[in-house]
Protein backbone atom coordinates (compact mmCIF):
# COMPACT_ATOMS: atom_id res chain seq x y z
CA UNK A 1 -20.05 -14.80 -55.51
CA UNK A 2 -20.97 -11.33 -56.75
CA UNK A 3 -23.75 -9.40 -55.10
CA UNK A 4 -26.16 -7.59 -57.38
CA UNK A 5 -26.61 -4.67 -55.02
CA UNK A 6 -24.01 -2.83 -52.98
CA UNK A 7 -23.33 -3.67 -49.38
CA UNK A 8 -23.43 -0.46 -47.35
CA UNK A 9 -22.05 0.12 -43.89
CA UNK A 10 -23.17 2.63 -41.28
CA UNK A 11 -22.35 3.46 -37.67
CA UNK A 12 -25.04 4.79 -35.38
CA UNK A 13 -22.72 6.89 -33.20
CA UNK A 14 -24.88 9.00 -30.88
CA UNK A 15 -27.82 9.19 -33.28
CA UNK A 16 -31.26 7.69 -32.72
CA UNK A 17 -32.69 5.10 -35.10
CA UNK A 18 -35.11 7.64 -36.66
CA UNK A 19 -32.05 9.76 -37.53
CA UNK A 20 -30.66 6.88 -39.60
CA UNK A 21 -33.89 5.98 -41.40
CA UNK A 22 -33.63 8.66 -44.14
CA UNK A 23 -29.99 7.70 -44.77
CA UNK A 24 -30.98 4.05 -45.23
CA UNK A 25 -34.04 4.88 -47.33
CA UNK A 26 -31.92 7.08 -49.62
CA UNK A 27 -29.80 4.00 -50.44
CA UNK A 28 -32.85 1.68 -50.78
CA UNK A 29 -31.60 -0.54 -47.96
CA UNK A 30 -33.86 -3.51 -47.29
CA UNK A 31 -32.02 -5.32 -44.48
CA UNK A 32 -29.94 -4.13 -41.54
CA UNK A 33 -27.19 -6.59 -40.65
CA UNK A 34 -26.04 -5.83 -37.12
CA UNK A 35 -22.31 -6.59 -36.85
CA UNK A 36 -21.80 -5.48 -33.25
CA UNK A 37 -20.38 -8.15 -30.96
CA UNK A 38 -22.45 -6.74 -28.14
CA UNK A 39 -25.70 -5.41 -29.63
CA UNK A 40 -26.50 -2.99 -26.82
CA UNK A 41 -25.67 0.62 -26.04
CA UNK A 42 -25.91 2.60 -22.83
CA UNK A 43 -25.73 5.80 -24.84
CA UNK A 44 -28.04 4.96 -27.74
CA UNK A 45 -31.00 2.95 -26.40
CA UNK A 46 -32.62 2.59 -29.83
CA UNK A 47 -29.78 0.23 -30.68
CA UNK A 48 -30.42 -2.40 -28.04
CA UNK A 49 -30.92 -5.54 -30.14
CA UNK A 50 -34.58 -6.21 -29.27
CA UNK A 51 -35.59 -2.57 -29.62
CA UNK A 52 -33.64 -2.19 -32.86
CA UNK A 53 -35.26 -5.28 -34.33
CA UNK A 54 -38.71 -3.80 -33.60
CA UNK A 55 -37.80 -0.34 -34.91
CA UNK A 56 -36.37 -1.86 -38.07
CA UNK A 57 -39.58 -3.80 -38.72
CA UNK A 58 -41.72 -0.74 -37.97
CA UNK A 59 -39.81 1.19 -40.65
CA UNK A 60 -39.93 -1.63 -43.21
CA UNK A 61 -36.41 -3.04 -42.81
CA UNK A 62 -35.38 -6.62 -42.25
CA UNK A 63 -32.97 -7.25 -39.37
CA UNK A 64 -30.24 -9.85 -38.84
CA UNK A 65 -27.74 -9.99 -35.99
CA UNK A 66 -24.44 -11.48 -37.15
CA UNK A 67 -22.27 -10.00 -34.43
CA UNK A 68 -21.24 -13.39 -33.12
CA UNK A 69 -19.59 -14.15 -36.46
CA UNK A 70 -18.77 -10.65 -37.76
CA UNK A 71 -18.38 -8.50 -34.62
CA UNK A 72 -15.21 -6.52 -34.03
CA UNK A 73 -14.48 -6.99 -30.34
CA UNK A 74 -12.09 -9.35 -28.60
CA UNK A 75 -10.90 -11.53 -31.49
CA UNK A 76 -10.24 -10.84 -35.14
CA UNK A 77 -13.56 -11.81 -36.76
CA UNK A 78 -11.68 -13.67 -39.50
CA UNK A 79 -10.55 -16.15 -36.82
CA UNK A 80 -14.12 -16.85 -35.69
CA UNK A 81 -16.09 -19.91 -36.66
CA UNK A 82 -18.80 -18.93 -39.08
CA UNK A 83 -17.05 -15.83 -40.46
CA UNK A 84 -17.05 -17.00 -44.09
CA UNK A 85 -20.60 -18.35 -43.86
CA UNK A 86 -21.83 -15.03 -42.44
CA UNK A 87 -20.16 -13.14 -45.30
CA UNK A 88 -21.92 -15.42 -47.75
CA UNK A 89 -25.23 -14.71 -45.98
CA UNK A 90 -24.63 -10.97 -46.41
CA UNK A 91 -23.94 -11.49 -50.11
CA UNK A 92 -27.09 -13.59 -50.53
CA UNK A 93 -29.15 -10.84 -48.91
CA UNK A 94 -27.52 -8.28 -51.24
CA UNK A 95 -28.61 -10.28 -54.30
CA UNK A 96 -32.22 -9.21 -53.63
CA UNK A 97 -31.75 -5.64 -52.37
CA UNK A 98 -29.13 -3.40 -50.77
CA UNK A 99 -28.11 -4.28 -47.23
CA UNK A 100 -26.30 -2.27 -44.60
CA UNK A 101 -23.81 -3.50 -42.01
CA UNK A 102 -24.53 -1.62 -38.79
CA UNK A 103 -22.00 -0.96 -36.05
CA UNK A 104 -21.59 1.65 -33.32
CA UNK A 105 -18.63 3.68 -34.58
CA UNK A 106 -19.86 6.62 -36.68
CA UNK A 107 -16.68 6.88 -38.78
CA UNK A 108 -15.91 3.77 -40.83
CA UNK A 109 -12.15 4.34 -40.83
CA UNK A 110 -12.10 3.68 -37.09
CA UNK A 111 -14.25 0.57 -37.32
CA UNK A 112 -13.84 -3.06 -38.31
CA UNK A 113 -16.52 -2.44 -40.99
CA UNK A 114 -13.83 -0.74 -43.08
CA UNK A 115 -10.71 -2.51 -41.85
CA UNK A 116 -11.92 -6.13 -41.84
CA UNK A 117 -15.42 -6.63 -43.25
CA UNK A 118 -15.30 -4.41 -46.35
CA UNK A 119 -12.02 -5.90 -47.65
CA UNK A 120 -13.28 -9.44 -47.03
CA UNK A 121 -16.55 -8.73 -48.87
CA UNK A 122 -14.74 -7.03 -51.74
CA UNK A 123 -12.47 -10.06 -52.15
CA UNK A 124 -15.69 -12.03 -52.67
CA UNK A 125 -16.84 -9.63 -55.40
CA UNK A 126 -19.08 -7.24 -53.43
CA UNK A 127 -19.17 -3.51 -53.90
CA UNK A 128 -18.98 -1.90 -50.45
CA UNK A 129 -19.92 1.71 -49.71
CA UNK A 130 -19.89 3.53 -46.38
CA UNK A 131 -22.77 5.80 -45.40
CA UNK A 132 -21.17 8.67 -43.49
CA UNK A 133 -22.82 10.63 -40.65
CA UNK A 134 -23.69 13.50 -43.03
CA UNK A 135 -25.50 11.09 -45.38
CA UNK A 136 -22.84 11.08 -48.06
CA UNK A 137 -21.56 7.76 -49.36
CA UNK A 138 -17.88 6.88 -49.69
CA UNK A 139 -16.08 3.92 -51.23
CA UNK A 140 -13.82 1.77 -49.13
CA UNK A 141 -10.38 3.25 -48.87
CA UNK A 142 -7.17 1.48 -47.89
CA UNK A 143 -6.97 1.76 -44.11
CA UNK A 144 -4.81 4.65 -42.96
CA UNK A 145 -3.52 4.74 -39.41
CA UNK A 146 -4.16 8.20 -37.99
CA UNK A 147 -2.86 7.21 -34.59
CA UNK A 148 -6.37 6.29 -33.48
CA UNK A 149 -6.94 3.14 -31.51
CA UNK A 150 -9.41 0.60 -32.82
CA UNK A 151 -12.54 1.87 -31.05
CA UNK A 152 -15.35 -0.64 -31.51
């Protein structure tokens, strides 16, 4: 199943939601797909699930939480029930307009967005691009181990 539009990924890091809006608008993102297992943050209150859903709507974005199926904590997401179905949902959303997978880790190389989700989506025919903290966009690269622990 090929998506018509790219699937982007982004990590909020310590930014506020308004900081991310121009980065998402620049890529014409229509829907934010939250892939955090635990959609809350002590350090970034804009990214508590309920608040984020409201902020997304206020700025014209759709919002879906798929962290139960696609989140990176505890268990390899590929071993979770619903993983494949959730990937198909992402691809269906991307047929209409670009989507972004949102997680907490600012750098994709240290996040399951790049190590698990992007390769799985690319195997299904998607084009995946990572929106970096400076607003630039990078293709998925083979995962390189820089001695960093998996941090999300």
